[in-house]
Amino acid sequence: MGAHLVRRYITETDTEPDPVKKNEFDPEFGFPERKEREMVASQMQMNLAQLPLEQRDYCAQYLLKLMKCKRDNWPNFLACKHERHDWDYCEHQDYVMRMKEYERERRLQLRKKRIEAQAEAA
């Protein structure tokens, strides 16, 4: 735990991607056919459900189903286990995908640095 902080601020400051900035490399680089992720829940649906801004992500449609289930089965909150599981699973998959993108960006920056060092040496 904390290895990414050491890389970010001490050892590899020039090759560690900044999570706030946009990706430096083309998202299609290395992938012949890569589909862009799309939001399933519309902005109007999220506004009507009064979803907080921090929960308006790619898993919002599962959260909307969970909120509807909780509202329909109010005293029996255990009736919504399946919807809760779907939402948790989507959130986990989203986290894994973001970490893979971060790692991909880091490795591409290391590759770029290595290629530049080889070009200077030659």
PDB file of N, CA and C in Angstrom:
ATOM      1  N   MET A   1       0.834  -1.170   0.000  1.00  0.00           N
ATOM      2  CA  MET A   1       0.000   0.000   0.000  1.00  0.00           C
ATOM      3  C   MET A   1       0.881   1.237   0.000  1.00  0.00           C
ATOM      4  N   GLY A   2       0.570   2.158  -0.877  1.00  0.00           N
ATOM      5  CA  GLY A   2       1.310   3.388  -0.948  1.00  0.00           C
ATOM      6  C   GLY A   2       2.441   3.370  -1.962  1.00  0.00           C
ATOM      7  N   ALA A   3       2.628   2.242  -2.661  1.00  0.00           N
ATOM      8  CA  ALA A   3       3.714   2.176  -3.642  1.00  0.00           C
ATOM      9  C   ALA A   3       3.489   3.187  -4.761  1.00  0.00           C
ATOM     10  N   HIS A   4       2.228   3.403  -5.136  1.00  0.00           N
ATOM     11  CA  HIS A   4       1.946   4.369  -6.191  1.00  0.00           C
ATOM     12  C   HIS A   4       2.306   5.786  -5.747  1.00  0.00           C
ATOM     13  N   LEU A   5       2.192   6.079  -4.454  1.00  0.00           N
ATOM     14  CA  LEU A   5       2.559   7.405  -3.963  1.00  0.00           C
ATOM     15  C   LEU A   5       4.070   7.611  -4.034  1.00  0.00           C
ATOM     16  N   VAL A   6       4.828   6.570  -3.718  1.00  0.00           N
ATOM     17  CA  VAL A   6       6.284   6.663  -3.812  1.00  0.00           C
ATOM     18  C   VAL A   6       6.689   6.875  -5.264  1.00  0.00           C
ATOM     19  N   ARG A   7       6.078   6.116  -6.184  1.00  0.00           N
ATOM     20  CA  ARG A   7       6.394   6.288  -7.606  1.00  0.00           C
ATOM     21  C   ARG A   7       5.992   7.683  -8.083  1.00  0.00           C
ATOM     22  N   ARG A   8       4.856   8.160  -7.636  1.00  0.00           N
ATOM     23  CA  ARG A   8       4.328   9.433  -8.117  1.00  0.00           C
ATOM     24  C   ARG A   8       5.171  10.616  -7.662  1.00  0.00           C
ATOM     25  N   TYR A   9       5.598  10.619  -6.412  1.00  0.00           N
ATOM     26  CA  TYR A   9       6.233  11.804  -5.861  1.00  0.00           C
ATOM     27  C   TYR A   9       7.739  11.686  -5.646  1.00  0.00           C
ATOM     28  N   ILE A  10       8.309  10.472  -5.694  1.00  0.00           N
ATOM     29  CA  ILE A  10       9.729  10.335  -5.375  1.00  0.00           C
ATOM     30  C   ILE A  10      10.524   9.709  -6.515  1.00  0.00           C
ATOM     31  N   THR A  11      10.195   8.476  -6.915  1.00  0.00           N
ATOM     32  CA  THR A  11      11.076   7.743  -7.819  1.00  0.00           C
ATOM     33  C   THR A  11      10.793   7.991  -9.299  1.00  0.00           C
ATOM     34  N   GLU A  12       9.544   7.840  -9.744  1.00  0.00           N
ATOM     35  CA  GLU A  12       9.235   7.923 -11.177  1.00  0.00           C
ATOM     36  C   GLU A  12       8.263   9.060 -11.458  1.00  0.00           C
ATOM     37  N   THR A  13       8.641  10.260 -11.099  1.00  0.00           N
ATOM     38  CA  THR A  13       7.718  11.388 -11.239  1.00  0.00           C
ATOM     39  C   THR A  13       7.410  11.719 -12.691  1.00  0.00           C
ATOM     40  N   ASP A  14       8.337  11.437 -13.606  1.00  0.00           N
ATOM     41  CA  ASP A  14       8.107  11.778 -15.007  1.00  0.00           C
ATOM     42  C   ASP A  14       7.308  10.726 -15.757  1.00  0.00           C
ATOM     43  N   THR A  15       7.208   9.521 -15.251  1.00  0.00           N
ATOM     44  CA  THR A  15       6.474   8.478 -15.965  1.00  0.00           C
ATOM     45  C   THR A  15       5.180   8.078 -15.278  1.00  0.00           C
ATOM     46  N   GLU A  16       4.911   8.602 -14.129  1.00  0.00           N
ATOM     47  CA  GLU A  16       3.670   8.247 -13.428  1.00  0.00           C
ATOM     48  C   GLU A  16       2.544   9.132 -13.967  1.00  0.00           C
ATOM     49  N   PRO A  17       1.444   8.525 -14.478  1.00  0.00           N
ATOM     50  CA  PRO A  17       0.357   9.329 -15.052  1.00  0.00           C
ATOM     51  C   PRO A  17      -0.371  10.138 -13.980  1.00  0.00           C
ATOM     52  N   ASP A  18      -0.811  11.300 -14.383  1.00  0.00           N
ATOM     53  CA  ASP A  18      -1.585  12.145 -13.481  1.00  0.00           C
ATOM     54  C   ASP A  18      -3.051  11.761 -13.616  1.00  0.00           C
ATOM     55  N   PRO A  19      -3.692  11.314 -12.529  1.00  0.00           N
ATOM     56  CA  PRO A  19      -5.081  10.867 -12.647  1.00  0.00           C
ATOM     57  C   PRO A  19      -6.057  11.996 -12.952  1.00  0.00           C
ATOM     58  N   VAL A  20      -5.665  13.235 -12.725  1.00  0.00           N
ATOM     59  CA  VAL A  20      -6.554  14.362 -12.968  1.00  0.00           C
ATOM     60  C   VAL A  20      -6.561  14.747 -14.446  1.00  0.00           C
ATOM     61  N   LYS A  21      -5.415  14.601 -15.115  1.00  0.00           N
ATOM     62  CA  LYS A  21      -5.307  15.004 -16.515  1.00  0.00           C
ATOM     63  C   LYS A  21      -5.863  13.934 -17.447  1.00  0.00           C
ATOM     64  N   LYS A  22      -6.110  14.352 -18.674  1.00  0.00           N
ATOM     65  CA  LYS A  22      -6.570  13.442 -19.715  1.00  0.00           C
ATOM     66  C   LYS A  22      -5.424  12.514 -20.100  1.00  0.00           C
ATOM     67  N   ASN A  23      -5.750  11.353 -20.662  1.00  0.00           N
ATOM     68  CA  ASN A  23      -4.718  10.408 -21.090  1.00  0.00           C
ATOM     69  C   ASN A  23      -3.834  11.033 -22.166  1.00  0.00           C
ATOM     70  N   GLU A  24      -2.552  10.748 -22.079  1.00  0.00           N
ATOM     71  CA  GLU A  24      -1.593  11.292 -23.034  1.00  0.00           C
ATOM     72  C   GLU A  24      -1.615  10.508 -24.343  1.00  0.00           C
ATOM     73  N   PHE A  25      -1.921   9.218 -24.275  1.00  0.00           N
ATOM     74  CA  PHE A  25      -1.861   8.363 -25.453  1.00  0.00           C
ATOM     75  C   PHE A  25      -3.264   8.093 -25.992  1.00  0.00           C
ATOM     76  N   ASP A  26      -3.293   7.758 -27.270  1.00  0.00           N
ATOM     77  CA  ASP A  26      -4.554   7.448 -27.932  1.00  0.00           C
ATOM     78  C   ASP A  26      -5.187   6.212 -27.305  1.00  0.00           C
ATOM     79  N   PRO A  27      -6.472   6.264 -26.951  1.00  0.00           N
ATOM     80  CA  PRO A  27      -7.114   5.081 -26.361  1.00  0.00           C
ATOM     81  C   PRO A  27      -7.166   3.883 -27.304  1.00  0.00           C
ATOM     82  N   GLU A  28      -7.061   4.130 -28.618  1.00  0.00           N
ATOM     83  CA  GLU A  28      -7.102   3.046 -29.600  1.00  0.00           C
ATOM     84  C   GLU A  28      -5.730   2.397 -29.793  1.00  0.00           C
ATOM     85  N   PHE A  29      -4.685   2.987 -29.227  1.00  0.00           N
ATOM     86  CA  PHE A  29      -3.327   2.491 -29.437  1.00  0.00           C
ATOM     87  C   PHE A  29      -3.177   1.097 -28.838  1.00  0.00           C
ATOM     88  N   GLY A  30      -2.892   0.114 -29.701  1.00  0.00           N
ATOM     89  CA  GLY A  30      -2.713  -1.261 -29.259  1.00  0.00           C
ATOM     90  C   GLY A  30      -3.974  -2.098 -29.299  1.00  0.00           C
ATOM     91  N   PHE A  31      -5.100  -1.483 -29.645  1.00  0.00           N
ATOM     92  CA  PHE A  31      -6.363  -2.221 -29.718  1.00  0.00           C
ATOM     93  C   PHE A  31      -6.950  -2.029 -31.107  1.00  0.00           C
ATOM     94  N   PRO A  32      -7.171  -3.119 -31.851  1.00  0.00           N
ATOM     95  CA  PRO A  32      -7.726  -2.955 -33.201  1.00  0.00           C
ATOM     96  C   PRO A  32      -9.172  -2.436 -33.180  1.00  0.00           C
ATOM     97  N   GLU A  33      -9.998  -2.998 -32.312  1.00  0.00           N
ATOM     98  CA  GLU A  33     -11.397  -2.577 -32.242  1.00  0.00           C
ATOM     99  C   GLU A  33     -11.766  -2.390 -30.770  1.00  0.00           C
ATOM    100  N   ARG A  34     -11.796  -1.170 -30.348  1.00  0.00           N
ATOM    101  CA  ARG A  34     -12.107  -0.893 -28.944  1.00  0.00           C
ATOM    102  C   ARG A  34     -13.355  -0.026 -28.897  1.00  0.00           C
ATOM    103  N   LYS A  35     -14.384  -0.524 -28.217  1.00  0.00           N
ATOM    104  CA  LYS A  35     -15.624   0.227 -28.124  1.00  0.00           C
ATOM    105  C   LYS A  35     -15.533   1.240 -26.986  1.00  0.00           C
ATOM    106  N   GLU A  36     -16.075   2.418 -27.236  1.00  0.00           N
ATOM    107  CA  GLU A  36     -16.110   3.436 -26.202  1.00  0.00           C
ATOM    108  C   GLU A  36     -17.292   3.153 -25.271  1.00  0.00           C
ATOM    109  N   ARG A  37     -17.079   3.352 -24.000  1.00  0.00           N
ATOM    110  CA  ARG A  37     -18.143   3.097 -23.030  1.00  0.00           C
ATOM    111  C   ARG A  37     -19.238   4.147 -23.177  1.00  0.00           C
ATOM    112  N   GLU A  38     -20.477   3.713 -22.975  1.00  0.00           N
ATOM    113  CA  GLU A  38     -21.614   4.623 -23.101  1.00  0.00           C
ATOM    114  C   GLU A  38     -22.441   4.594 -21.824  1.00  0.00           C
ATOM    115  N   MET A  39     -22.993   5.725 -21.498  1.00  0.00           N
ATOM    116  CA  MET A  39     -23.904   5.808 -20.363  1.00  0.00           C
ATOM    117  C   MET A  39     -25.254   5.235 -20.789  1.00  0.00           C
ATOM    118  N   VAL A  40     -25.805   4.353 -19.973  1.00  0.00           N
ATOM    119  CA  VAL A  40     -27.115   3.780 -20.274  1.00  0.00           C
ATOM    120  C   VAL A  40     -28.214   4.671 -19.703  1.00  0.00           C
ATOM    121  N   ALA A  41     -28.011   5.130 -18.489  1.00  0.00           N
ATOM    122  CA  ALA A  41     -28.994   6.021 -17.863  1.00  0.00           C
ATOM    123  C   ALA A  41     -28.840   7.421 -18.449  1.00  0.00           C
ATOM    124  N   SER A  42     -29.969   8.028 -18.787  1.00  0.00           N
ATOM    125  CA  SER A  42     -29.912   9.369 -19.363  1.00  0.00           C
ATOM    126  C   SER A  42     -29.796  10.417 -18.258  1.00  0.00           C
ATOM    127  N   GLN A  43     -29.433  11.603 -18.673  1.00  0.00           N
ATOM    128  CA  GLN A  43     -29.302  12.709 -17.731  1.00  0.00           C
ATOM    129  C   GLN A  43     -30.651  13.025 -17.088  1.00  0.00           C
ATOM    130  N   MET A  44     -31.708  12.932 -17.878  1.00  0.00           N
ATOM    131  CA  MET A  44     -33.041  13.219 -17.348  1.00  0.00           C
ATOM    132  C   MET A  44     -33.444  12.196 -16.284  1.00  0.00           C
ATOM    133  N   GLN A  45     -33.151  10.921 -16.522  1.00  0.00           N
ATOM    134  CA  GLN A  45     -33.467   9.887 -15.529  1.00  0.00           C
ATOM    135  C   GLN A  45     -32.717  10.131 -14.226  1.00  0.00           C
ATOM    136  N   MET A  46     -31.452  10.491 -14.338  1.00  0.00           N
ATOM    137  CA  MET A  46     -30.666  10.735 -13.136  1.00  0.00           C
ATOM    138  C   MET A  46     -31.138  11.988 -12.399  1.00  0.00           C
ATOM    139  N   ASN A  47     -31.566  12.997 -13.151  1.00  0.00           N
ATOM    140  CA  ASN A  47     -32.108  14.198 -12.514  1.00  0.00           C
ATOM    141  C   ASN A  47     -33.415  13.893 -11.787  1.00  0.00           C
ATOM    142  N   LEU A  48     -34.281  13.115 -12.434  1.00  0.00           N
ATOM    143  CA  LEU A  48     -35.556  12.764 -11.805  1.00  0.00           C
ATOM    144  C   LEU A  48     -35.359  11.918 -10.551  1.00  0.00           C
ATOM    145  N   ALA A  49     -34.350  11.055 -10.554  1.00  0.00           N
ATOM    146  CA  ALA A  49     -34.072  10.217  -9.386  1.00  0.00           C
ATOM    147  C   ALA A  49     -33.265  10.974  -8.332  1.00  0.00           C
ATOM    148  N   GLN A  50     -32.841  12.197  -8.654  1.00  0.00           N
ATOM    149  CA  GLN A  50     -32.056  13.041  -7.751  1.00  0.00           C
ATOM    150  C   GLN A  50     -30.769  12.349  -7.296  1.00  0.00           C
ATOM    151  N   LEU A  51     -30.102  11.751  -8.262  1.00  0.00           N
ATOM    152  CA  LEU A  51     -28.821  11.104  -7.957  1.00  0.00           C
ATOM    153  C   LEU A  51     -27.768  12.163  -7.662  1.00  0.00           C
ATOM    154  N   PRO A  52     -26.966  11.965  -6.624  1.00  0.00           N
ATOM    155  CA  PRO A  52     -25.853  12.896  -6.385  1.00  0.00           C
ATOM    156  C   PRO A  52     -24.837  12.823  -7.528  1.00  0.00           C
ATOM    157  N   LEU A  53     -24.109  13.898  -7.733  1.00  0.00           N
ATOM    158  CA  LEU A  53     -23.150  13.954  -8.845  1.00  0.00           C
ATOM    159  C   LEU A  53     -22.087  12.880  -8.752  1.00  0.00           C
ATOM    160  N   GLU A  54     -21.653  12.521  -7.549  1.00  0.00           N
ATOM    161  CA  GLU A  54     -20.596  11.524  -7.412  1.00  0.00           C
ATOM    162  C   GLU A  54     -21.073  10.119  -7.765  1.00  0.00           C
ATOM    163  N   GLN A  55     -22.382   9.904  -7.880  1.00  0.00           N
ATOM    164  CA  GLN A  55     -22.895   8.583  -8.241  1.00  0.00           C
ATOM    165  C   GLN A  55     -23.377   8.513  -9.687  1.00  0.00           C
ATOM    166  N   ARG A  56     -23.173   9.549 -10.441  1.00  0.00           N
ATOM    167  CA  ARG A  56     -23.580   9.555 -11.852  1.00  0.00           C
ATOM    168  C   ARG A  56     -22.436   9.032 -12.704  1.00  0.00           C
ATOM    169  N   ASP A  57     -22.256   7.737 -12.688  1.00  0.00           N
ATOM    170  CA  ASP A  57     -21.184   7.105 -13.434  1.00  0.00           C
ATOM    171  C   ASP A  57     -21.775   6.062 -14.371  1.00  0.00           C
ATOM    172  N   TYR A  58     -20.926   5.172 -14.880  1.00  0.00           N
ATOM    173  CA  TYR A  58     -21.387   4.167 -15.836  1.00  0.00           C
ATOM    174  C   TYR A  58     -22.285   3.116 -15.189  1.00  0.00           C
ATOM    175  N   CYS A  59     -22.382   3.096 -13.881  1.00  0.00           N
ATOM    176  CA  CYS A  59     -23.227   2.125 -13.169  1.00  0.00           C
ATOM    177  C   CYS A  59     -24.524   2.748 -12.678  1.00  0.00           C
ATOM    178  N   ALA A  60     -24.857   3.921 -13.167  1.00  0.00           N
ATOM    179  CA  ALA A  60     -26.034   4.629 -12.666  1.00  0.00           C
ATOM    180  C   ALA A  60     -27.325   3.853 -12.941  1.00  0.00           C
ATOM    181  N   GLN A  61     -27.387   3.107 -14.047  1.00  0.00           N
ATOM    182  CA  GLN A  61     -28.623   2.379 -14.336  1.00  0.00           C
ATOM    183  C   GLN A  61     -28.899   1.311 -13.283  1.00  0.00           C
ATOM    184  N   TYR A  62     -27.856   0.698 -12.751  1.00  0.00           N
ATOM    185  CA  TYR A  62     -28.030  -0.300 -11.698  1.00  0.00           C
ATOM    186  C   TYR A  62     -28.437   0.361 -10.383  1.00  0.00           C
ATOM    187  N   LEU A  63     -27.891   1.531 -10.131  1.00  0.00           N
ATOM    188  CA  LEU A  63     -28.270   2.259  -8.924  1.00  0.00           C
ATOM    189  C   LEU A  63     -29.725   2.705  -9.000  1.00  0.00           C
ATOM    190  N   LEU A  64     -30.177   3.108 -10.183  1.00  0.00           N
ATOM    191  CA  LEU A  64     -31.580   3.495 -10.342  1.00  0.00           C
ATOM    192  C   LEU A  64     -32.507   2.313 -10.078  1.00  0.00           C
ATOM    193  N   LYS A  65     -32.120   1.124 -10.574  1.00  0.00           N
ATOM    194  CA  LYS A  65     -32.926  -0.076 -10.307  1.00  0.00           C
ATOM    195  C   LYS A  65     -32.944  -0.396  -8.817  1.00  0.00           C
ATOM    196  N   LEU A  66     -31.801  -0.248  -8.153  1.00  0.00           N
ATOM    197  CA  LEU A  66     -31.725  -0.505  -6.717  1.00  0.00           C
ATOM    198  C   LEU A  66     -32.591   0.474  -5.941  1.00  0.00           C
ATOM    199  N   MET A  67     -32.540   1.737  -6.295  1.00  0.00           N
ATOM    200  CA  MET A  67     -33.358   2.737  -5.606  1.00  0.00           C
ATOM    201  C   MET A  67     -34.851   2.475  -5.809  1.00  0.00           C
ATOM    202  N   LYS A  68     -35.227   2.059  -7.015  1.00  0.00           N
ATOM    203  CA  LYS A  68     -36.630   1.743  -7.291  1.00  0.00           C
ATOM    204  C   LYS A  68     -37.068   0.529  -6.486  1.00  0.00           C
ATOM    205  N   CYS A  69     -36.225  -0.487  -6.416  1.00  0.00           N
ATOM    206  CA  CYS A  69     -36.542  -1.681  -5.650  1.00  0.00           C
ATOM    207  C   CYS A  69     -36.712  -1.347  -4.165  1.00  0.00           C
ATOM    208  N   LYS A  70     -35.826  -0.525  -3.639  1.00  0.00           N
ATOM    209  CA  LYS A  70     -35.934  -0.136  -2.229  1.00  0.00           C
ATOM    210  C   LYS A  70     -37.216   0.642  -1.966  1.00  0.00           C
ATOM    211  N   ARG A  71     -37.567   1.494  -2.919  1.00  0.00           N
ATOM    212  CA  ARG A  71     -38.801   2.267  -2.753  1.00  0.00           C
ATOM    213  C   ARG A  71     -40.033   1.353  -2.820  1.00  0.00           C
ATOM    214  N   ASP A  72     -40.029   0.398  -3.750  1.00  0.00           N
ATOM    215  CA  ASP A  72     -41.196  -0.482  -3.916  1.00  0.00           C
ATOM    216  C   ASP A  72     -41.333  -1.487  -2.778  1.00  0.00           C
ATOM    217  N   ASN A  73     -40.232  -1.933  -2.209  1.00  0.00           N
ATOM    218  CA  ASN A  73     -40.254  -2.943  -1.145  1.00  0.00           C
ATOM    219  C   ASN A  73     -39.825  -2.327   0.182  1.00  0.00           C
ATOM    220  N   TRP A  74     -40.326  -1.155   0.513  1.00  0.00           N
ATOM    221  CA  TRP A  74     -39.763  -0.345   1.588  1.00  0.00           C
ATOM    222  C   TRP A  74     -39.460  -1.084   2.885  1.00  0.00           C
ATOM    223  N   PRO A  75     -40.378  -1.695   3.567  1.00  0.00           N
ATOM    224  CA  PRO A  75     -39.947  -2.238   4.857  1.00  0.00           C
ATOM    225  C   PRO A  75     -39.005  -3.430   4.694  1.00  0.00           C
ATOM    226  N   ASN A  76     -39.163  -4.147   3.598  1.00  0.00           N
ATOM    227  CA  ASN A  76     -38.342  -5.329   3.377  1.00  0.00           C
ATOM    228  C   ASN A  76     -37.137  -4.955   2.512  1.00  0.00           C
ATOM    229  N   PHE A  77     -36.122  -4.359   3.119  1.00  0.00           N
ATOM    230  CA  PHE A  77     -34.957  -3.924   2.356  1.00  0.00           C
ATOM    231  C   PHE A  77     -34.120  -5.094   1.866  1.00  0.00           C
ATOM    232  N   LEU A  78     -34.317  -6.291   2.447  1.00  0.00           N
ATOM    233  CA  LEU A  78     -33.547  -7.459   2.013  1.00  0.00           C
ATOM    234  C   LEU A  78     -34.040  -8.034   0.685  1.00  0.00           C
ATOM    235  N   ALA A  79     -35.154  -7.532   0.198  1.00  0.00           N
ATOM    236  CA  ALA A  79     -35.685  -8.020  -1.072  1.00  0.00           C
ATOM    237  C   ALA A  79     -34.871  -7.517  -2.262  1.00  0.00           C
ATOM    238  N   CYS A  80     -33.967  -6.595  -2.039  1.00  0.00           N
ATOM    239  CA  CYS A  80     -33.209  -5.981  -3.135  1.00  0.00           C
ATOM    240  C   CYS A  80     -31.765  -6.467  -3.183  1.00  0.00           C
ATOM    241  N   LYS A  81     -31.518  -7.665  -2.711  1.00  0.00           N
ATOM    242  CA  LYS A  81     -30.148  -8.184  -2.703  1.00  0.00           C
ATOM    243  C   LYS A  81     -29.580  -8.294  -4.112  1.00  0.00           C
ATOM    244  N   HIS A  82     -30.406  -8.766  -5.034  1.00  0.00           N
ATOM    245  CA  HIS A  82     -29.922  -8.970  -6.400  1.00  0.00           C
ATOM    246  C   HIS A  82     -29.537  -7.632  -7.039  1.00  0.00           C
ATOM    247  N   GLU A  83     -30.370  -6.619  -6.873  1.00  0.00           N
ATOM    248  CA  GLU A  83     -30.068  -5.303  -7.441  1.00  0.00           C
ATOM    249  C   GLU A  83     -28.818  -4.704  -6.799  1.00  0.00           C
ATOM    250  N   ARG A  84     -28.676  -4.910  -5.485  1.00  0.00           N
ATOM    251  CA  ARG A  84     -27.488  -4.400  -4.787  1.00  0.00           C
ATOM    252  C   ARG A  84     -26.228  -5.100  -5.302  1.00  0.00           C
ATOM    253  N   HIS A  85     -26.334  -6.407  -5.513  1.00  0.00           N
ATOM    254  CA  HIS A  85     -25.194  -7.161  -6.026  1.00  0.00           C
ATOM    255  C   HIS A  85     -24.814  -6.674  -7.426  1.00  0.00           C
ATOM    256  N   ASP A  86     -25.810  -6.456  -8.291  1.00  0.00           N
ATOM    257  CA  ASP A  86     -25.533  -5.975  -9.648  1.00  0.00           C
ATOM    258  C   ASP A  86     -24.818  -4.629  -9.617  1.00  0.00           C
ATOM    259  N   TRP A  87     -25.280  -3.729  -8.748  1.00  0.00           N
ATOM    260  CA  TRP A  87     -24.663  -2.408  -8.657  1.00  0.00           C
ATOM    261  C   TRP A  87     -23.239  -2.512  -8.105  1.00  0.00           C
ATOM    262  N   ASP A  88     -23.043  -3.297  -7.050  1.00  0.00           N
ATOM    263  CA  ASP A  88     -21.700  -3.476  -6.487  1.00  0.00           C
ATOM    264  C   ASP A  88     -20.747  -4.093  -7.500  1.00  0.00           C
ATOM    265  N   TYR A  89     -21.233  -5.074  -8.252  1.00  0.00           N
ATOM    266  CA  TYR A  89     -20.395  -5.727  -9.261  1.00  0.00           C
ATOM    267  C   TYR A  89     -20.002  -4.733 -10.361  1.00  0.00           C
ATOM    268  N   CYS A  90     -20.953  -3.915 -10.793  1.00  0.00           N
ATOM    269  CA  CYS A  90     -20.655  -2.910 -11.818  1.00  0.00           C
ATOM    270  C   CYS A  90     -19.633  -1.903 -11.298  1.00  0.00           C
ATOM    271  N   GLU A  91     -19.782  -1.470 -10.058  1.00  0.00           N
ATOM    272  CA  GLU A  91     -18.827  -0.529  -9.472  1.00  0.00           C
ATOM    273  C   GLU A  91     -17.432  -1.156  -9.392  1.00  0.00           C
ATOM    274  N   HIS A  92     -17.380  -2.422  -9.034  1.00  0.00           N
ATOM    275  CA  HIS A  92     -16.090  -3.115  -8.967  1.00  0.00           C
ATOM    276  C   HIS A  92     -15.452  -3.214 -10.352  1.00  0.00           C
ATOM    277  N   GLN A  93     -16.247  -3.586 -11.351  1.00  0.00           N
ATOM    278  CA  GLN A  93     -15.721  -3.694 -12.717  1.00  0.00           C
ATOM    279  C   GLN A  93     -15.250  -2.335 -13.230  1.00  0.00           C
ATOM    280  N   ASP A  94     -15.967  -1.279 -12.877  1.00  0.00           N
ATOM    281  CA  ASP A  94     -15.570   0.062 -13.274  1.00  0.00           C
ATOM    282  C   ASP A  94     -14.233   0.434 -12.632  1.00  0.00           C
ATOM    283  N   TYR A  95     -14.063   0.095 -11.364  1.00  0.00           N
ATOM    284  CA  TYR A  95     -12.809   0.362 -10.661  1.00  0.00           C
ATOM    285  C   TYR A  95     -11.653  -0.404 -11.308  1.00  0.00           C
ATOM    286  N   VAL A  96     -11.887  -1.673 -11.612  1.00  0.00           N
ATOM    287  CA  VAL A  96     -10.842  -2.495 -12.241  1.00  0.00           C
ATOM    288  C   VAL A  96     -10.472  -1.916 -13.605  1.00  0.00           C
ATOM    289  N   MET A  97     -11.454  -1.473 -14.373  1.00  0.00           N
ATOM    290  CA  MET A  97     -11.173  -0.912 -15.691  1.00  0.00           C
ATOM    291  C   MET A  97     -10.370   0.384 -15.567  1.00  0.00           C
ATOM    292  N   ARG A  98     -10.705   1.226 -14.598  1.00  0.00           N
ATOM    293  CA  ARG A  98      -9.948   2.460 -14.408  1.00  0.00           C
ATOM    294  C   ARG A  98      -8.515   2.175 -13.984  1.00  0.00           C
ATOM    295  N   MET A  99      -8.313   1.167 -13.141  1.00  0.00           N
ATOM    296  CA  MET A  99      -6.960   0.813 -12.726  1.00  0.00           C
ATOM    297  C   MET A  99      -6.157   0.236 -13.890  1.00  0.00           C
ATOM    298  N   LYS A 100      -6.814  -0.535 -14.751  1.00  0.00           N
ATOM    299  CA  LYS A 100      -6.128  -1.065 -15.931  1.00  0.00           C
ATOM    300  C   LYS A 100      -5.730   0.060 -16.878  1.00  0.00           C
ATOM    301  N   GLU A 101      -6.596   1.044 -17.043  1.00  0.00           N
ATOM    302  CA  GLU A 101      -6.266   2.195 -17.888  1.00  0.00           C
ATOM    303  C   GLU A 101      -5.101   2.981 -17.306  1.00  0.00           C
ATOM    304  N   TYR A 102      -5.094   3.149 -15.998  1.00  0.00           N
ATOM    305  CA  TYR A 102      -3.997   3.851 -15.330  1.00  0.00           C
ATOM    306  C   TYR A 102      -2.678   3.103 -15.539  1.00  0.00           C
ATOM    307  N   GLU A 103      -2.721   1.794 -15.351  1.00  0.00           N
ATOM    308  CA  GLU A 103      -1.514   0.980 -15.526  1.00  0.00           C
ATOM    309  C   GLU A 103      -1.058   0.989 -16.989  1.00  0.00           C
ATOM    310  N   ARG A 104      -1.994   0.952 -17.921  1.00  0.00           N
ATOM    311  CA  ARG A 104      -1.664   1.011 -19.345  1.00  0.00           C
ATOM    312  C   ARG A 104      -0.964   2.324 -19.672  1.00  0.00           C
ATOM    313  N   GLU A 105      -1.507   3.408 -19.143  1.00  0.00           N
ATOM    314  CA  GLU A 105      -0.902   4.724 -19.376  1.00  0.00           C
ATOM    315  C   GLU A 105       0.508   4.783 -18.783  1.00  0.00           C
ATOM    316  N   ARG A 106       0.692   4.229 -17.600  1.00  0.00           N
ATOM    317  CA  ARG A 106       2.005   4.223 -16.951  1.00  0.00           C
ATOM    318  C   ARG A 106       3.017   3.429 -17.774  1.00  0.00           C
ATOM    319  N   ARG A 107       2.598   2.266 -18.246  1.00  0.00           N
ATOM    320  CA  ARG A 107       3.506   1.433 -19.033  1.00  0.00           C
ATOM    321  C   ARG A 107       3.841   2.066 -20.377  1.00  0.00           C
ATOM    322  N   LEU A 108       2.873   2.737 -20.989  1.00  0.00           N
ATOM    323  CA  LEU A 108       3.158   3.422 -22.250  1.00  0.00           C
ATOM    324  C   LEU A 108       4.129   4.582 -22.034  1.00  0.00           C
ATOM    325  N   GLN A 109       4.025   5.271 -20.905  1.00  0.00           N
ATOM    326  CA  GLN A 109       4.972   6.343 -20.618  1.00  0.00           C
ATOM    327  C   GLN A 109       6.376   5.780 -20.370  1.00  0.00           C
ATOM    328  N   LEU A 110       6.451   4.642 -19.667  1.00  0.00           N
ATOM    329  CA  LEU A 110       7.760   3.998 -19.480  1.00  0.00           C
ATOM    330  C   LEU A 110       8.346   3.565 -20.819  1.00  0.00           C
ATOM    331  N   ARG A 111       7.508   3.042 -21.699  1.00  0.00           N
ATOM    332  CA  ARG A 111       7.956   2.617 -23.034  1.00  0.00           C
ATOM    333  C   ARG A 111       8.465   3.813 -23.827  1.00  0.00           C
ATOM    334  N   LYS A 112       7.741   4.919 -23.763  1.00  0.00           N
ATOM    335  CA  LYS A 112       8.154   6.138 -24.471  1.00  0.00           C
ATOM    336  C   LYS A 112       9.504   6.636 -23.948  1.00  0.00           C
ATOM    337  N   LYS A 113       9.674   6.613 -22.642  1.00  0.00           N
ATOM    338  CA  LYS A 113      10.937   7.051 -22.046  1.00  0.00           C
ATOM    339  C   LYS A 113      12.080   6.131 -22.465  1.00  0.00           C
ATOM    340  N   ARG A 114      11.824   4.811 -22.502  1.00  0.00           N
ATOM    341  CA  ARG A 114      12.843   3.846 -22.895  1.00  0.00           C
ATOM    342  C   ARG A 114      13.233   4.028 -24.363  1.00  0.00           C
ATOM    343  N   ILE A 115      12.264   4.262 -25.239  1.00  0.00           N
ATOM    344  CA  ILE A 115      12.546   4.474 -26.664  1.00  0.00           C
ATOM    345  C   ILE A 115      13.346   5.753 -26.870  1.00  0.00           C
ATOM    346  N   GLU A 116      13.010   6.816 -26.132  1.00  0.00           N
ATOM    347  CA  GLU A 116      13.752   8.061 -26.238  1.00  0.00           C
ATOM    348  C   GLU A 116      15.190   7.884 -25.750  1.00  0.00           C
ATOM    349  N   ALA A 117      15.382   7.107 -24.695  1.00  0.00           N
ATOM    350  CA  ALA A 117      16.738   6.856 -24.180  1.00  0.00           C
ATOM    351  C   ALA A 117      17.568   6.048 -25.182  1.00  0.00           C
ATOM    352  N   GLN A 118      16.948   5.082 -25.857  1.00  0.00           N
ATOM    353  CA  GLN A 118      17.648   4.308 -26.877  1.00  0.00           C
ATOM    354  C   GLN A 118      18.011   5.174 -28.074  1.00  0.00           C
ATOM    355  N   ALA A 119      17.127   6.108 -28.437  1.00  0.00           N
ATOM    356  CA  ALA A 119      17.392   6.992 -29.571  1.00  0.00           C
ATOM    357  C   ALA A 119      18.539   7.939 -29.259  1.00  0.00           C
ATOM    358  N   GLU A 120      18.620   8.394 -28.016  1.00  0.00           N
ATOM    359  CA  GLU A 120      19.724   9.270 -27.625  1.00  0.00           C
ATOM    360  C   GLU A 120      21.051   8.528 -27.581  1.00  0.00           C
ATOM    361  N   ALA A 121      20.998   7.269 -27.169  1.00  0.00           N
ATOM    362  CA  ALA A 121      22.216   6.465 -27.068  1.00  0.00           C
ATOM    363  C   ALA A 121      22.774   6.098 -28.445  1.00  0.00           C
ATOM    364  N   ALA A 122      21.894   6.016 -29.434  1.00  0.00           N
ATOM    365  CA  ALA A 122      22.340   5.599 -30.771  1.00  0.00           C
ATOM    366  C   ALA A 122      22.910   6.725 -31.576  1.00  0.00           C
TER     367      ALA A 122
END
